[in-house]
Amino acid sequence: MPDQKFSDIRKSARLSVAPMMDWTDKNCRYLHRLLSFQTLLYTEMVTAPALVRGGAVHLLDFNPEEHPVALQLGGSDPRELAQAAVMGADAGYDEINLNCGCPSDRVQSGTFGAVLMREPSRVAESVAAMREAVNVEITVKCRIGVDEQEPQEVLPAFLEQIRSAGCERVTIHARKAWLQGLSPKENRDIPPLDYDLVHRMKAEFPDLHISINGGITTLEQAQDHLAAGLDGVMIGRAAYHQPADILAAADPQIYGAGQVSDPFDVVHKMLPYVEAHLAQGGRLHQITRHMLGLFSGRPGARGWRRILSEGAVREHAGPEVILQALDSVASVSQVEQAV
């Protein structure tokens, strides 16, 4: 039986924000946490060699307010992954996730990411080594297959091996990855989605906690997958580009508790964080680049993006830029309401 800590994070995993390179840094995650108190957040992928051999412990930095938060590791050496998992657990992460889905050339050259779909025994060995090393849950994020593999054959065999190694929770990106011929961007769009296969895997492995990822753009779609029997839904680009649409109502709609977040309130709650970041020598745009989509689809969104994009990169830019952008949104909203 999983302990209470594992049970709690599995409840949070009903909805999660995907790990996205160059996007889901700690500033992004702080914003997302203000929108939803319960959604599970993931770091960008951090490679085990960078931590173990490179000593890049700064890559593990996160804000205590981000909990529940998971560290995603990239790597293929079981011993090194175990060492990196210990570093992540010591840093306070609630989960350690192994990346078996990223299709980038850089990841392939390191023999990890989606290429590991071809080596389920190595993944299983890595999972077992990490589980032995730490007392936080070890999970896997994978594709349904790569290149010429037949997903109907490969995915069940992959899940069987990692389950036997002690992995009890997996997120499946419902697309193949084409490691030759498609760019990482194209791999997010061109290979067809096969949601049915992921749902069949839940029926075949009822003891596995299975989340689905890929092409999901609304909370309503997430609720449909949950209602159909999946344990969780992971959303990537939509959660980043339209964070309020995905996360503001997540607590009441997905978890049945909490209130809908108001983006205006969230902006004001970000200001002390911004001031602390600037006081430590940071730049405003390092935070506001993650806030550009906060009012996406709402009156004043264009002005919000323009003011932040132009103002935040200026030298000595501070919270006044955010307040100016917010005033612009408020003005447009008032006009809309008056009409």
C-alpha atoms as a PDB file:
ATOM      1  CA  MET A   1       0.000   0.000   0.000  1.00  0.00           C
ATOM      2  CA  PRO A   2       1.305   3.481  -0.857  1.00  0.00           C
ATOM      3  CA  ASP A   3       1.887   5.763   2.086  1.00  0.00           C
ATOM      4  CA  GLN A   4      -0.185   8.896   2.685  1.00  0.00           C
ATOM      5  CA  LYS A   5       2.324  11.094   0.872  1.00  0.00           C
ATOM      6  CA  PHE A   6       1.975   8.982  -2.274  1.00  0.00           C
ATOM      7  CA  SER A   7      -1.824   9.039  -1.987  1.00  0.00           C
ATOM      8  CA  ASP A   8      -1.865  12.823  -1.732  1.00  0.00           C
ATOM      9  CA  ILE A   9       0.273  13.364  -4.806  1.00  0.00           C
ATOM     10  CA  ARG A  10      -1.833  10.911  -6.783  1.00  0.00           C
ATOM     11  CA  LYS A  11      -4.890  12.998  -5.972  1.00  0.00           C
ATOM     12  CA  SER A  12      -3.034  16.067  -7.253  1.00  0.00           C
ATOM     13  CA  ALA A  13      -2.091  14.133 -10.406  1.00  0.00           C
ATOM     14  CA  ARG A  14      -5.717  14.227 -11.584  1.00  0.00           C
ATOM     15  CA  LEU A  15      -4.464  17.321 -13.397  1.00  0.00           C
ATOM     16  CA  SER A  16      -0.865  18.276 -14.080  1.00  0.00           C
ATOM     17  CA  VAL A  17       1.087  20.798 -16.140  1.00  0.00           C
ATOM     18  CA  ALA A  18       3.567  19.094 -18.433  1.00  0.00           C
ATOM     19  CA  PRO A  19       7.312  19.572 -18.078  1.00  0.00           C
ATOM     20  CA  MET A  20       8.309  21.928 -20.916  1.00  0.00           C
ATOM     21  CA  MET A  21      11.874  22.948 -21.681  1.00  0.00           C
ATOM     22  CA  ASP A  22      12.510  26.714 -21.421  1.00  0.00           C
ATOM     23  CA  TRP A  23       8.978  27.222 -20.136  1.00  0.00           C
ATOM     24  CA  THR A  24       8.137  25.536 -16.833  1.00  0.00           C
ATOM     25  CA  ASP A  25      10.864  27.127 -14.740  1.00  0.00           C
ATOM     26  CA  LYS A  26      10.306  28.139 -11.129  1.00  0.00           C
ATOM     27  CA  ASN A  27       8.881  31.549 -12.099  1.00  0.00           C
ATOM     28  CA  CYS A  28       6.315  29.903 -14.340  1.00  0.00           C
ATOM     29  CA  ARG A  29       5.418  27.363 -11.685  1.00  0.00           C
ATOM     30  CA  TYR A  30       4.919  30.055  -9.040  1.00  0.00           C
ATOM     31  CA  LEU A  31       2.386  31.756 -11.324  1.00  0.00           C
ATOM     32  CA  HIS A  32       0.615  28.469 -12.004  1.00  0.00           C
ATOM     33  CA  ARG A  33       0.429  27.682  -8.293  1.00  0.00           C
ATOM     34  CA  LEU A  34      -1.369  30.977  -7.657  1.00  0.00           C
ATOM     35  CA  LEU A  35      -3.979  29.940 -10.223  1.00  0.00           C
ATOM     36  CA  SER A  36      -4.481  26.443  -8.781  1.00  0.00           C
ATOM     37  CA  PHE A  37      -3.541  25.231  -5.323  1.00  0.00           C
ATOM     38  CA  GLN A  38      -3.873  21.546  -6.201  1.00  0.00           C
ATOM     39  CA  THR A  39      -2.664  20.915  -9.758  1.00  0.00           C
ATOM     40  CA  LEU A  40       0.577  18.931  -9.902  1.00  0.00           C
ATOM     41  CA  LEU A  41       3.450  20.954 -11.396  1.00  0.00           C
ATOM     42  CA  TYR A  42       6.560  19.625 -13.132  1.00  0.00           C
ATOM     43  CA  THR A  43      10.002  21.085 -13.624  1.00  0.00           C
ATOM     44  CA  GLU A  44      11.683  21.362 -16.958  1.00  0.00           C
ATOM     45  CA  MET A  45      13.677  18.229 -17.666  1.00  0.00           C
ATOM     46  CA  VAL A  46      16.951  18.217 -15.711  1.00  0.00           C
ATOM     47  CA  THR A  47      19.570  15.752 -16.895  1.00  0.00           C
ATOM     48  CA  ALA A  48      21.111  13.377 -14.393  1.00  0.00           C
ATOM     49  CA  PRO A  49      24.628  13.984 -15.781  1.00  0.00           C
ATOM     50  CA  ALA A  50      24.242  17.731 -15.192  1.00  0.00           C
ATOM     51  CA  LEU A  51      23.447  17.086 -11.541  1.00  0.00           C
ATOM     52  CA  VAL A  52      25.778  14.207 -10.779  1.00  0.00           C
ATOM     53  CA  ARG A  53      28.769  14.995 -12.966  1.00  0.00           C
ATOM     54  CA  GLY A  54      28.249  18.703 -13.527  1.00  0.00           C
ATOM     55  CA  GLY A  55      27.258  19.656 -10.000  1.00  0.00           C
ATOM     56  CA  ALA A  56      24.513  21.915 -11.369  1.00  0.00           C
ATOM     57  CA  VAL A  57      22.504  21.865  -8.154  1.00  0.00           C
ATOM     58  CA  HIS A  58      21.047  25.303  -8.973  1.00  0.00           C
ATOM     59  CA  LEU A  59      18.821  23.455 -11.454  1.00  0.00           C
ATOM     60  CA  LEU A  60      16.975  22.018  -8.460  1.00  0.00           C
ATOM     61  CA  ASP A  61      15.943  25.417  -7.063  1.00  0.00           C
ATOM     62  CA  PHE A  62      12.232  25.861  -6.466  1.00  0.00           C
ATOM     63  CA  ASN A  63       9.916  27.866  -4.255  1.00  0.00           C
ATOM     64  CA  PRO A  64       8.325  26.108  -1.265  1.00  0.00           C
ATOM     65  CA  GLU A  65       4.957  27.455  -2.409  1.00  0.00           C
ATOM     66  CA  GLU A  66       5.150  25.253  -5.517  1.00  0.00           C
ATOM     67  CA  HIS A  67       4.229  22.016  -3.719  1.00  0.00           C
ATOM     68  CA  PRO A  68       3.043  19.602  -4.975  1.00  0.00           C
ATOM     69  CA  VAL A  69       5.916  19.736  -7.482  1.00  0.00           C
ATOM     70  CA  ALA A  70       7.735  16.978  -9.356  1.00  0.00           C
ATOM     71  CA  LEU A  71      11.271  16.840 -10.714  1.00  0.00           C
ATOM     72  CA  GLN A  72      11.636  15.390 -14.191  1.00  0.00           C
ATOM     73  CA  LEU A  73      14.973  13.710 -14.854  1.00  0.00           C
ATOM     74  CA  GLY A  74      16.589  12.803 -18.139  1.00  0.00           C
ATOM     75  CA  GLY A  75      19.134  10.034 -18.273  1.00  0.00           C
ATOM     76  CA  SER A  76      19.754   6.398 -19.076  1.00  0.00           C
ATOM     77  CA  ASP A  77      22.323   5.191 -16.549  1.00  0.00           C
ATOM     78  CA  PRO A  78      20.523   3.552 -13.608  1.00  0.00           C
ATOM     79  CA  ARG A  79      23.241   4.337 -11.085  1.00  0.00           C
ATOM     80  CA  GLU A  80      23.488   7.972 -12.157  1.00  0.00           C
ATOM     81  CA  LEU A  81      19.712   8.365 -12.183  1.00  0.00           C
ATOM     82  CA  ALA A  82      19.582   6.965  -8.658  1.00  0.00           C
ATOM     83  CA  GLN A  83      22.153   9.537  -7.525  1.00  0.00           C
ATOM     84  CA  ALA A  84      20.187  12.337  -9.221  1.00  0.00           C
ATOM     85  CA  ALA A  85      16.975  11.077  -7.631  1.00  0.00           C
ATOM     86  CA  VAL A  86      18.600  11.303  -4.200  1.00  0.00           C
ATOM     87  CA  MET A  87      19.582  14.901  -4.950  1.00  0.00           C
ATOM     88  CA  GLY A  88      16.010  15.673  -6.022  1.00  0.00           C
ATOM     89  CA  ALA A  89      14.497  14.013  -2.977  1.00  0.00           C
ATOM     90  CA  ASP A  90      16.930  15.824  -0.674  1.00  0.00           C
ATOM     91  CA  ALA A  91      15.925  19.100  -2.334  1.00  0.00           C
ATOM     92  CA  GLY A  92      12.325  18.395  -1.334  1.00  0.00           C
ATOM     93  CA  TYR A  93      10.568  17.325  -4.526  1.00  0.00           C
ATOM     94  CA  ASP A  94       7.371  15.325  -4.098  1.00  0.00           C
ATOM     95  CA  GLU A  95       7.967  13.029  -7.087  1.00  0.00           C
ATOM     96  CA  ILE A  96      10.798  12.027  -9.405  1.00  0.00           C
ATOM     97  CA  ASN A  97       9.755  11.474 -13.036  1.00  0.00           C
ATOM     98  CA  LEU A  98      11.833   9.768 -15.714  1.00  0.00           C
ATOM     99  CA  ASN A  99      11.606  11.272 -19.205  1.00  0.00           C
ATOM    100  CA  CYS A 100      10.997   8.602 -21.853  1.00  0.00           C
ATOM    101  CA  GLY A 101       9.176  10.884 -24.268  1.00  0.00           C
ATOM    102  CA  CYS A 102      11.313  13.818 -25.416  1.00  0.00           C
ATOM    103  CA  PRO A 103      12.296  13.433 -29.111  1.00  0.00           C
ATOM    104  CA  SER A 104      14.947  16.149 -29.451  1.00  0.00           C
ATOM    105  CA  ASP A 105      18.294  15.396 -31.102  1.00  0.00           C
ATOM    106  CA  ARG A 106      20.167  16.522 -27.976  1.00  0.00           C
ATOM    107  CA  VAL A 107      18.227  14.078 -25.852  1.00  0.00           C
ATOM    108  CA  GLN A 108      18.718  11.240 -28.339  1.00  0.00           C
ATOM    109  CA  SER A 109      22.478  11.793 -28.386  1.00  0.00           C
ATOM    110  CA  GLY A 110      22.483  11.251 -24.627  1.00  0.00           C
ATOM    111  CA  THR A 111      20.552   7.985 -25.075  1.00  0.00           C
ATOM    112  CA  PHE A 112      17.528   9.125 -23.135  1.00  0.00           C
ATOM    113  CA  GLY A 113      14.112  10.584 -23.766  1.00  0.00           C
ATOM    114  CA  ALA A 114      11.853   8.914 -26.327  1.00  0.00           C
ATOM    115  CA  VAL A 115      14.663   6.690 -27.607  1.00  0.00           C
ATOM    116  CA  LEU A 116      14.275   4.745 -24.345  1.00  0.00           C
ATOM    117  CA  MET A 117      10.995   3.342 -25.674  1.00  0.00           C
ATOM    118  CA  ARG A 118      13.320   0.938 -27.507  1.00  0.00           C
ATOM    119  CA  GLU A 119      14.972  -0.138 -24.240  1.00  0.00           C
ATOM    120  CA  PRO A 120      12.266  -0.995 -21.724  1.00  0.00           C
ATOM    121  CA  SER A 121      14.630  -3.201 -19.730  1.00  0.00           C
ATOM    122  CA  ARG A 122      16.981  -0.241 -19.210  1.00  0.00           C
ATOM    123  CA  VAL A 123      14.032   1.905 -18.125  1.00  0.00           C
ATOM    124  CA  ALA A 124      12.898  -0.803 -15.719  1.00  0.00           C
ATOM    125  CA  GLU A 125      16.401  -1.083 -14.272  1.00  0.00           C
ATOM    126  CA  SER A 126      16.516   2.699 -13.841  1.00  0.00           C
ATOM    127  CA  VAL A 127      13.129   2.774 -12.134  1.00  0.00           C
ATOM    128  CA  ALA A 128      14.195   0.013  -9.763  1.00  0.00           C
ATOM    129  CA  ALA A 129      17.449   1.800  -8.915  1.00  0.00           C
ATOM    130  CA  MET A 130      15.684   5.090  -8.193  1.00  0.00           C
ATOM    131  CA  ARG A 131      12.997   3.400  -6.097  1.00  0.00           C
ATOM    132  CA  GLU A 132      15.685   1.712  -4.048  1.00  0.00           C
ATOM    133  CA  ALA A 133      17.469   5.019  -3.494  1.00  0.00           C
ATOM    134  CA  VAL A 134      14.641   7.337  -2.415  1.00  0.00           C
ATOM    135  CA  ASN A 135      11.362   7.411  -0.528  1.00  0.00           C
ATOM    136  CA  VAL A 136       9.444   9.538  -3.009  1.00  0.00           C
ATOM    137  CA  GLU A 137       7.360   8.133  -5.834  1.00  0.00           C
ATOM    138  CA  ILE A 138       9.174   7.288  -9.067  1.00  0.00           C
ATOM    139  CA  THR A 139       7.082   7.813 -12.192  1.00  0.00           C
ATOM    140  CA  VAL A 140       7.599   7.619 -15.952  1.00  0.00           C
ATOM    141  CA  LYS A 141       6.461   9.822 -18.825  1.00  0.00           C
ATOM    142  CA  CYS A 142       6.531   8.040 -22.182  1.00  0.00           C
ATOM    143  CA  ARG A 143       5.216   7.969 -25.744  1.00  0.00           C
ATOM    144  CA  ILE A 144       3.083   5.200 -27.256  1.00  0.00           C
ATOM    145  CA  GLY A 145       6.106   4.204 -29.344  1.00  0.00           C
ATOM    146  CA  VAL A 146       8.781   5.524 -31.674  1.00  0.00           C
ATOM    147  CA  ASP A 147       9.466   5.292 -35.396  1.00  0.00           C
ATOM    148  CA  GLU A 148       8.326   1.975 -36.912  1.00  0.00           C
ATOM    149  CA  GLN A 149       7.281   0.412 -33.608  1.00  0.00           C
ATOM    150  CA  GLU A 150       3.711  -0.874 -33.373  1.00  0.00           C
ATOM    151  CA  PRO A 151       2.226   0.924 -30.350  1.00  0.00           C
ATOM    152  CA  GLN A 152      -0.352  -1.821 -29.720  1.00  0.00           C
ATOM    153  CA  GLU A 153       2.537  -4.227 -29.149  1.00  0.00           C
ATOM    154  CA  VAL A 154       5.248  -1.976 -27.745  1.00  0.00           C
ATOM    155  CA  LEU A 155       3.296   0.044 -25.177  1.00  0.00           C
ATOM    156  CA  PRO A 156       1.821  -2.897 -23.197  1.00  0.00           C
ATOM    157  CA  ALA A 157       5.226  -4.580 -23.077  1.00  0.00           C
ATOM    158  CA  PHE A 158       6.841  -1.320 -21.922  1.00  0.00           C
ATOM    159  CA  LEU A 159       4.238  -0.817 -19.189  1.00  0.00           C
ATOM    160  CA  GLU A 160       4.582  -4.409 -18.039  1.00  0.00           C
ATOM    161  CA  GLN A 161       8.326  -4.020 -17.549  1.00  0.00           C
ATOM    162  CA  ILE A 162       8.228  -0.734 -15.673  1.00  0.00           C
ATOM    163  CA  ARG A 163       5.347  -1.962 -13.506  1.00  0.00           C
ATOM    164  CA  SER A 164       7.367  -5.042 -12.596  1.00  0.00           C
ATOM    165  CA  ALA A 165      10.211  -2.698 -11.586  1.00  0.00           C
ATOM    166  CA  GLY A 166       7.929  -0.873  -9.165  1.00  0.00           C
ATOM    167  CA  CYS A 167       6.573   2.037 -11.220  1.00  0.00           C
ATOM    168  CA  GLU A 168       2.951   2.560 -10.203  1.00  0.00           C
ATOM    169  CA  ARG A 169       2.199   5.806 -12.016  1.00  0.00           C
ATOM    170  CA  VAL A 170       2.817   6.681 -15.664  1.00  0.00           C
ATOM    171  CA  THR A 171       1.913   9.543 -18.006  1.00  0.00           C
ATOM    172  CA  ILE A 172       1.446   8.558 -21.628  1.00  0.00           C
ATOM    173  CA  HIS A 173       1.785  11.088 -24.446  1.00  0.00           C
ATOM    174  CA  ALA A 174      -0.715   9.597 -26.877  1.00  0.00           C
ATOM    175  CA  ARG A 175       1.497  10.050 -29.949  1.00  0.00           C
ATOM    176  CA  LYS A 176       4.413   8.229 -31.431  1.00  0.00           C
ATOM    177  CA  ALA A 177       7.719  10.079 -31.629  1.00  0.00           C
ATOM    178  CA  TRP A 178       9.477  10.033 -34.977  1.00  0.00           C
ATOM    179  CA  LEU A 179      13.144  10.305 -34.088  1.00  0.00           C
ATOM    180  CA  GLN A 180      14.200  10.697 -37.717  1.00  0.00           C
ATOM    181  CA  GLY A 181      12.503  13.117 -40.078  1.00  0.00           C
ATOM    182  CA  LEU A 182      10.487  15.246 -37.654  1.00  0.00           C
ATOM    183  CA  SER A 183      11.614  18.131 -35.466  1.00  0.00           C
ATOM    184  CA  PRO A 184      10.666  18.227 -31.773  1.00  0.00           C
ATOM    185  CA  LYS A 185       7.987  20.800 -32.640  1.00  0.00           C
ATOM    186  CA  GLU A 186       6.592  18.606 -35.414  1.00  0.00           C
ATOM    187  CA  ASN A 187       6.591  15.649 -33.036  1.00  0.00           C
ATOM    188  CA  ARG A 188       4.105  17.548 -30.871  1.00  0.00           C
ATOM    189  CA  ASP A 189       1.623  17.928 -33.731  1.00  0.00           C
ATOM    190  CA  ILE A 190       2.130  15.635 -36.724  1.00  0.00           C
ATOM    191  CA  PRO A 191       2.021  12.062 -35.367  1.00  0.00           C
ATOM    192  CA  PRO A 192      -1.660  11.203 -34.914  1.00  0.00           C
ATOM    193  CA  LEU A 193      -3.134  10.996 -31.444  1.00  0.00           C
ATOM    194  CA  ASP A 194      -4.363   7.622 -30.238  1.00  0.00           C
ATOM    195  CA  TYR A 195      -6.379   8.317 -27.124  1.00  0.00           C
ATOM    196  CA  ASP A 196      -8.194   4.980 -27.445  1.00  0.00           C
ATOM    197  CA  LEU A 197      -4.927   3.085 -26.974  1.00  0.00           C
ATOM    198  CA  VAL A 198      -4.195   4.926 -23.721  1.00  0.00           C
ATOM    199  CA  HIS A 199      -7.687   4.153 -22.448  1.00  0.00           C
ATOM    200  CA  ARG A 200      -7.194   0.486 -23.382  1.00  0.00           C
ATOM    201  CA  MET A 201      -3.978   0.480 -21.371  1.00  0.00           C
ATOM    202  CA  LYS A 202      -5.933   1.567 -18.303  1.00  0.00           C
ATOM    203  CA  ALA A 203      -8.299  -1.347 -18.839  1.00  0.00           C
ATOM    204  CA  GLU A 204      -5.371  -3.719 -19.306  1.00  0.00           C
ATOM    205  CA  PHE A 205      -3.396  -2.362 -16.333  1.00  0.00           C
ATOM    206  CA  PRO A 206      -6.091  -1.328 -13.835  1.00  0.00           C
ATOM    207  CA  ASP A 207      -3.573  -1.195 -10.982  1.00  0.00           C
ATOM    208  CA  LEU A 208      -1.469   1.448 -12.770  1.00  0.00           C
ATOM    209  CA  HIS A 209      -2.240   5.125 -12.225  1.00  0.00           C
ATOM    210  CA  ILE A 210      -2.357   6.338 -15.835  1.00  0.00           C
ATOM    211  CA  SER A 211      -2.464   9.959 -16.973  1.00  0.00           C
ATOM    212  CA  ILE A 212      -2.966  10.992 -20.578  1.00  0.00           C
ATOM    213  CA  ASN A 213      -1.086  13.774 -22.380  1.00  0.00           C
ATOM    214  CA  GLY A 214      -1.155  15.251 -25.866  1.00  0.00           C
ATOM    215  CA  GLY A 215      -3.495  17.644 -27.677  1.00  0.00           C
ATOM    216  CA  ILE A 216      -5.722  18.371 -24.677  1.00  0.00           C
ATOM    217  CA  THR A 217      -6.618  22.053 -24.663  1.00  0.00           C
ATOM    218  CA  THR A 218      -9.564  22.551 -22.275  1.00  0.00           C
ATOM    219  CA  LEU A 219     -10.679  21.566 -18.800  1.00  0.00           C
ATOM    220  CA  GLU A 220     -13.780  20.046 -20.360  1.00  0.00           C
ATOM    221  CA  GLN A 221     -11.652  17.646 -22.405  1.00  0.00           C
ATOM    222  CA  ALA A 222      -9.718  16.772 -19.259  1.00  0.00           C
ATOM    223  CA  GLN A 223     -12.952  16.006 -17.426  1.00  0.00           C
ATOM    224  CA  ASP A 224     -14.072  13.752 -20.277  1.00  0.00           C
ATOM    225  CA  HIS A 225     -10.907  11.646 -20.004  1.00  0.00           C
ATOM    226  CA  LEU A 226     -11.294  11.402 -16.244  1.00  0.00           C
ATOM    227  CA  ALA A 227     -14.944  10.441 -16.563  1.00  0.00           C
ATOM    228  CA  ALA A 228     -13.946   7.712 -19.030  1.00  0.00           C
ATOM    229  CA  GLY A 229     -11.769   6.082 -16.391  1.00  0.00           C
ATOM    230  CA  LEU A 230      -8.282   7.567 -16.627  1.00  0.00           C
ATOM    231  CA  ASP A 231      -6.625   8.617 -13.394  1.00  0.00           C
ATOM    232  CA  GLY A 232      -5.125  11.886 -14.566  1.00  0.00           C
ATOM    233  CA  VAL A 233      -4.679  14.361 -17.387  1.00  0.00           C
ATOM    234  CA  MET A 234      -1.512  16.282 -18.204  1.00  0.00           C
ATOM    235  CA  ILE A 235      -1.817  19.504 -20.207  1.00  0.00           C
ATOM    236  CA  GLY A 236       1.155  21.256 -21.787  1.00  0.00           C
ATOM    237  CA  ARG A 237       1.016  24.145 -24.218  1.00  0.00           C
ATOM    238  CA  ALA A 238      -2.559  25.178 -23.466  1.00  0.00           C
ATOM    239  CA  ALA A 239      -1.731  25.478 -19.769  1.00  0.00           C
ATOM    240  CA  TYR A 240       1.209  27.694 -20.644  1.00  0.00           C
ATOM    241  CA  HIS A 241      -0.357  29.922 -23.295  1.00  0.00           C
ATOM    242  CA  GLN A 242      -3.809  30.176 -21.674  1.00  0.00           C
ATOM    243  CA  PRO A 243      -3.014  29.499 -18.020  1.00  0.00           C
ATOM    244  CA  ALA A 244      -6.184  31.046 -16.615  1.00  0.00           C
ATOM    245  CA  ASP A 245      -8.391  29.003 -18.958  1.00  0.00           C
ATOM    246  CA  ILE A 246      -6.857  25.746 -17.743  1.00  0.00           C
ATOM    247  CA  LEU A 247      -5.877  26.426 -14.150  1.00  0.00           C
ATOM    248  CA  ALA A 248      -8.147  29.146 -12.746  1.00  0.00           C
ATOM    249  CA  ALA A 249     -11.140  26.800 -12.421  1.00  0.00           C
ATOM    250  CA  ALA A 250      -9.173  23.577 -11.916  1.00  0.00           C
ATOM    251  CA  ASP A 251      -9.593  23.368  -8.148  1.00  0.00           C
ATOM    252  CA  PRO A 252     -13.413  23.375  -8.088  1.00  0.00           C
ATOM    253  CA  GLN A 253     -13.916  21.535 -11.398  1.00  0.00           C
ATOM    254  CA  ILE A 254     -11.250  18.822 -11.179  1.00  0.00           C
ATOM    255  CA  TYR A 255     -10.788  18.453  -7.430  1.00  0.00           C
ATOM    256  CA  GLY A 256     -14.222  19.493  -6.181  1.00  0.00           C
ATOM    257  CA  ALA A 257     -12.866  22.031  -3.704  1.00  0.00           C
ATOM    258  CA  GLY A 258     -11.677  25.623  -3.752  1.00  0.00           C
ATOM    259  CA  GLN A 259     -12.627  28.713  -5.699  1.00  0.00           C
ATOM    260  CA  VAL A 260     -12.153  29.930  -9.246  1.00  0.00           C
ATOM    261  CA  SER A 261      -9.080  32.171  -9.311  1.00  0.00           C
ATOM    262  CA  ASP A 262      -9.363  35.750 -10.567  1.00  0.00           C
ATOM    263  CA  PRO A 263      -6.449  36.665 -12.892  1.00  0.00           C
ATOM    264  CA  PHE A 264      -6.512  40.243 -11.566  1.00  0.00           C
ATOM    265  CA  ASP A 265      -5.979  38.943  -8.021  1.00  0.00           C
ATOM    266  CA  VAL A 266      -3.244  36.616  -9.241  1.00  0.00           C
ATOM    267  CA  VAL A 267      -1.360  39.528 -10.803  1.00  0.00           C
ATOM    268  CA  HIS A 268      -1.422  41.435  -7.512  1.00  0.00           C
ATOM    269  CA  LYS A 269      -0.250  38.306  -5.659  1.00  0.00           C
ATOM    270  CA  MET A 270       2.679  38.066  -8.077  1.00  0.00           C
ATOM    271  CA  LEU A 271       3.990  41.533  -7.202  1.00  0.00           C
ATOM    272  CA  PRO A 272       5.840  40.619  -3.955  1.00  0.00           C
ATOM    273  CA  TYR A 273       7.437  37.694  -5.782  1.00  0.00           C
ATOM    274  CA  VAL A 274       8.496  40.032  -8.601  1.00  0.00           C
ATOM    275  CA  GLU A 275       9.978  42.511  -6.148  1.00  0.00           C
ATOM    276  CA  ALA A 276      11.973  39.769  -4.399  1.00  0.00           C
ATOM    277  CA  HIS A 277      13.230  38.492  -7.769  1.00  0.00           C
ATOM    278  CA  LEU A 278      14.406  41.956  -8.784  1.00  0.00           C
ATOM    279  CA  ALA A 279      16.046  42.527  -5.399  1.00  0.00           C
ATOM    280  CA  GLN A 280      18.122  39.387  -6.012  1.00  0.00           C
ATOM    281  CA  GLY A 281      19.378  40.756  -9.332  1.00  0.00           C
ATOM    282  CA  GLY A 282      16.799  39.169 -11.618  1.00  0.00           C
ATOM    283  CA  ARG A 283      15.169  40.830 -14.621  1.00  0.00           C
ATOM    284  CA  LEU A 284      11.471  41.556 -14.937  1.00  0.00           C
ATOM    285  CA  HIS A 285      11.035  39.783 -18.271  1.00  0.00           C
ATOM    286  CA  GLN A 286      12.231  36.517 -16.689  1.00  0.00           C
ATOM    287  CA  ILE A 287       8.882  36.452 -14.903  1.00  0.00           C
ATOM    288  CA  THR A 288       6.547  38.385 -17.192  1.00  0.00           C
ATOM    289  CA  ARG A 289       7.307  36.194 -20.215  1.00  0.00           C
ATOM    290  CA  HIS A 290       5.293  33.511 -18.426  1.00  0.00           C
ATOM    291  CA  MET A 291       2.420  35.937 -17.749  1.00  0.00           C
ATOM    292  CA  LEU A 292       1.752  37.020 -21.345  1.00  0.00           C
ATOM    293  CA  GLY A 293      -1.167  34.626 -21.818  1.00  0.00           C
ATOM    294  CA  LEU A 294      -2.844  35.314 -18.496  1.00  0.00           C
ATOM    295  CA  PHE A 295      -5.718  37.244 -20.098  1.00  0.00           C
ATOM    296  CA  SER A 296      -5.766  35.276 -23.340  1.00  0.00           C
ATOM    297  CA  GLY A 297      -9.144  35.460 -25.041  1.00  0.00           C
ATOM    298  CA  ARG A 298     -10.368  38.232 -22.736  1.00  0.00           C
ATOM    299  CA  PRO A 299     -10.909  41.939 -23.358  1.00  0.00           C
ATOM    300  CA  GLY A 300      -7.621  43.815 -23.126  1.00  0.00           C
ATOM    301  CA  ALA A 301      -5.405  40.784 -23.748  1.00  0.00           C
ATOM    302  CA  ARG A 302      -3.584  42.404 -26.670  1.00  0.00           C
ATOM    303  CA  GLY A 303      -2.691  45.522 -24.689  1.00  0.00           C
ATOM    304  CA  TRP A 304      -1.576  43.398 -21.747  1.00  0.00           C
ATOM    305  CA  ARG A 305       0.822  41.428 -23.941  1.00  0.00           C
ATOM    306  CA  ARG A 306       2.125  44.520 -25.739  1.00  0.00           C
ATOM    307  CA  ILE A 307       2.884  46.512 -22.591  1.00  0.00           C
ATOM    308  CA  LEU A 308       4.593  43.582 -20.905  1.00  0.00           C
ATOM    309  CA  SER A 309       6.555  42.578 -24.005  1.00  0.00           C
ATOM    310  CA  GLU A 310       7.831  46.087 -24.661  1.00  0.00           C
ATOM    311  CA  GLY A 311       8.270  47.303 -21.095  1.00  0.00           C
ATOM    312  CA  ALA A 312       9.652  44.313 -19.213  1.00  0.00           C
ATOM    313  CA  VAL A 313      12.863  44.075 -21.256  1.00  0.00           C
ATOM    314  CA  ARG A 314      13.886  47.659 -20.501  1.00  0.00           C
ATOM    315  CA  GLU A 315      16.700  48.221 -18.065  1.00  0.00           C
ATOM    316  CA  HIS A 316      15.511  48.735 -14.477  1.00  0.00           C
ATOM    317  CA  ALA A 317      11.943  47.724 -15.413  1.00  0.00           C
ATOM    318  CA  GLY A 318       9.923  46.978 -12.303  1.00  0.00           C
ATOM    319  CA  PRO A 319       6.433  46.144 -11.034  1.00  0.00           C
ATOM    320  CA  GLU A 320       5.100  49.411 -12.444  1.00  0.00           C
ATOM    321  CA  VAL A 321       5.164  47.819 -15.900  1.00  0.00           C
ATOM    322  CA  ILE A 322       2.869  45.044 -14.699  1.00  0.00           C
ATOM    323  CA  LEU A 323       0.520  47.540 -13.044  1.00  0.00           C
ATOM    324  CA  GLN A 324       0.410  49.614 -16.224  1.00  0.00           C
ATOM    325  CA  ALA A 325      -0.487  46.514 -18.229  1.00  0.00           C
ATOM    326  CA  LEU A 326      -3.132  45.563 -15.690  1.00  0.00           C
ATOM    327  CA  ASP A 327      -4.658  49.056 -15.826  1.00  0.00           C
ATOM    328  CA  SER A 328      -4.887  48.651 -19.584  1.00  0.00           C
ATOM    329  CA  VAL A 329      -6.851  45.408 -19.190  1.00  0.00           C
ATOM    330  CA  ALA A 330      -9.117  46.949 -16.570  1.00  0.00           C
ATOM    331  CA  SER A 331      -9.861  49.955 -18.812  1.00  0.00           C
ATOM    332  CA  VAL A 332     -10.872  47.780 -21.732  1.00  0.00           C
ATOM    333  CA  SER A 333     -12.990  45.581 -19.484  1.00  0.00           C
ATOM    334  CA  GLN A 334     -14.838  48.609 -18.129  1.00  0.00           C
ATOM    335  CA  VAL A 335     -15.578  49.807 -21.661  1.00  0.00           C
ATOM    336  CA  GLU A 336     -16.855  46.353 -22.635  1.00  0.00           C
ATOM    337  CA  GLN A 337     -19.118  46.248 -19.594  1.00  0.00           C
ATOM    338  CA  ALA A 338     -20.451  49.723 -20.294  1.00  0.00           C
ATOM    339  CA  VAL A 339     -21.380  48.719 -23.847  1.00  0.00           C
END
